[in-house]
Amino acid sequence: MCRHDSFVIERNGKPVARVVPIAGAAGDVTVAEALAAWTSGAAADRSFAEDLAAVDAADRPPANRWES
């Protein structure tokens, strides 16, 4: 059963976004159904995985992760 909850995302105490259910979505999906769809998908693209690894290796965390 979908509760149709919405959430407000704040930054420094100010609302910056709202997450809401998609109007007219084609039914609810359980986590089990979503996982089954995810795991039955196509084979992994090796070059995409390598690209993600390169991006991850080049990523530098900010000096202060709380400032942006």
C-alpha atoms as a PDB file:
ATOM      1  CA  MET A   1       0.000   0.000   0.000  1.00  0.00           C
ATOM      2  CA  CYS A   2       1.424   3.361  -0.998  1.00  0.00           C
ATOM      3  CA  ARG A   3       1.216   6.086   1.625  1.00  0.00           C
ATOM      4  CA  HIS A   4       1.993   8.872  -0.870  1.00  0.00           C
ATOM      5  CA  ASP A   5       4.441  10.508   1.573  1.00  0.00           C
ATOM      6  CA  SER A   6       6.394  13.574   0.512  1.00  0.00           C
ATOM      7  CA  PHE A   7       9.646  14.873   1.946  1.00  0.00           C
ATOM      8  CA  VAL A   8      11.249  18.319   2.068  1.00  0.00           C
ATOM      9  CA  ILE A   9      15.022  18.495   1.650  1.00  0.00           C
ATOM     10  CA  GLU A  10      16.671  21.364   3.481  1.00  0.00           C
ATOM     11  CA  ARG A  11      20.074  22.972   3.257  1.00  0.00           C
ATOM     12  CA  ASN A  12      21.133  25.212   6.130  1.00  0.00           C
ATOM     13  CA  GLY A  13      17.555  25.149   7.413  1.00  0.00           C
ATOM     14  CA  LYS A  14      16.080  26.372   4.119  1.00  0.00           C
ATOM     15  CA  PRO A  15      13.895  24.140   1.935  1.00  0.00           C
ATOM     16  CA  VAL A  16      15.593  23.425  -1.401  1.00  0.00           C
ATOM     17  CA  ALA A  17      13.569  20.524  -2.814  1.00  0.00           C
ATOM     18  CA  ARG A  18      10.525  18.337  -2.279  1.00  0.00           C
ATOM     19  CA  VAL A  19      10.429  14.627  -3.067  1.00  0.00           C
ATOM     20  CA  VAL A  20       6.925  13.483  -3.976  1.00  0.00           C
ATOM     21  CA  PRO A  21       5.393  10.391  -5.569  1.00  0.00           C
ATOM     22  CA  ILE A  22       5.045  10.485  -9.346  1.00  0.00           C
ATOM     23  CA  ALA A  23       1.488  11.330 -10.322  1.00  0.00           C
ATOM     24  CA  GLY A  24      -0.116   8.573 -12.349  1.00  0.00           C
ATOM     25  CA  ALA A  25       2.673   6.070 -11.705  1.00  0.00           C
ATOM     26  CA  ALA A  26       1.821   2.603 -12.959  1.00  0.00           C
ATOM     27  CA  GLY A  27       1.268   0.907  -9.596  1.00  0.00           C
ATOM     28  CA  ASP A  28       3.392   0.240  -6.588  1.00  0.00           C
ATOM     29  CA  VAL A  29       6.470  -1.950  -6.747  1.00  0.00           C
ATOM     30  CA  THR A  30       7.827  -3.849  -3.785  1.00  0.00           C
ATOM     31  CA  VAL A  31      11.530  -3.944  -2.980  1.00  0.00           C
ATOM     32  CA  ALA A  32      11.545  -7.651  -3.875  1.00  0.00           C
ATOM     33  CA  GLU A  33      10.034  -6.905  -7.298  1.00  0.00           C
ATOM     34  CA  ALA A  34      12.517  -4.103  -7.944  1.00  0.00           C
ATOM     35  CA  LEU A  35      15.444  -6.337  -6.923  1.00  0.00           C
ATOM     36  CA  ALA A  36      14.206  -9.131  -9.179  1.00  0.00           C
ATOM     37  CA  ALA A  37      13.978  -6.714 -12.119  1.00  0.00           C
ATOM     38  CA  TRP A  38      17.459  -5.343 -11.353  1.00  0.00           C
ATOM     39  CA  THR A  39      19.121  -8.761 -11.106  1.00  0.00           C
ATOM     40  CA  SER A  40      17.446 -10.134 -14.240  1.00  0.00           C
ATOM     41  CA  GLY A  41      18.779  -7.277 -16.383  1.00  0.00           C
ATOM     42  CA  ALA A  42      21.417  -7.364 -19.089  1.00  0.00           C
ATOM     43  CA  ALA A  43      25.020  -8.324 -18.456  1.00  0.00           C
ATOM     44  CA  ALA A  44      27.283  -5.654 -17.016  1.00  0.00           C
ATOM     45  CA  ASP A  45      29.088  -3.390 -19.486  1.00  0.00           C
ATOM     46  CA  ARG A  46      32.787  -3.842 -18.639  1.00  0.00           C
ATOM     47  CA  SER A  47      33.858  -0.496 -20.134  1.00  0.00           C
ATOM     48  CA  PHE A  48      31.223   1.338 -18.048  1.00  0.00           C
ATOM     49  CA  ALA A  49      32.535  -0.340 -14.898  1.00  0.00           C
ATOM     50  CA  GLU A  50      36.066   0.724 -15.835  1.00  0.00           C
ATOM     51  CA  ASP A  51      34.875   4.320 -16.405  1.00  0.00           C
ATOM     52  CA  LEU A  52      33.240   4.354 -12.966  1.00  0.00           C
ATOM     53  CA  ALA A  53      36.440   3.047 -11.386  1.00  0.00           C
ATOM     54  CA  ALA A  54      38.452   5.816 -13.087  1.00  0.00           C
ATOM     55  CA  VAL A  55      36.033   8.484 -11.863  1.00  0.00           C
ATOM     56  CA  ASP A  56      36.150   7.039  -8.344  1.00  0.00           C
ATOM     57  CA  ALA A  57      39.967   7.000  -8.375  1.00  0.00           C
ATOM     58  CA  ALA A  58      40.091  10.649  -9.505  1.00  0.00           C
ATOM     59  CA  ASP A  59      37.550  11.842  -6.930  1.00  0.00           C
ATOM     60  CA  ARG A  60      38.961  14.140  -4.258  1.00  0.00           C
ATOM     61  CA  PRO A  61      36.908  14.757  -1.111  1.00  0.00           C
ATOM     62  CA  PRO A  62      36.484  18.396  -0.094  1.00  0.00           C
ATOM     63  CA  ALA A  63      38.643  19.774   2.706  1.00  0.00           C
ATOM     64  CA  ASN A  64      35.484  20.376   4.740  1.00  0.00           C
ATOM     65  CA  ARG A  65      32.673  18.056   3.705  1.00  0.00           C
ATOM     66  CA  TRP A  66      30.094  20.234   5.480  1.00  0.00           C
ATOM     67  CA  GLU A  67      30.786  23.298   3.312  1.00  0.00           C
ATOM     68  CA  SER A  68      29.661  23.451  -0.269  1.00  0.00           C
END
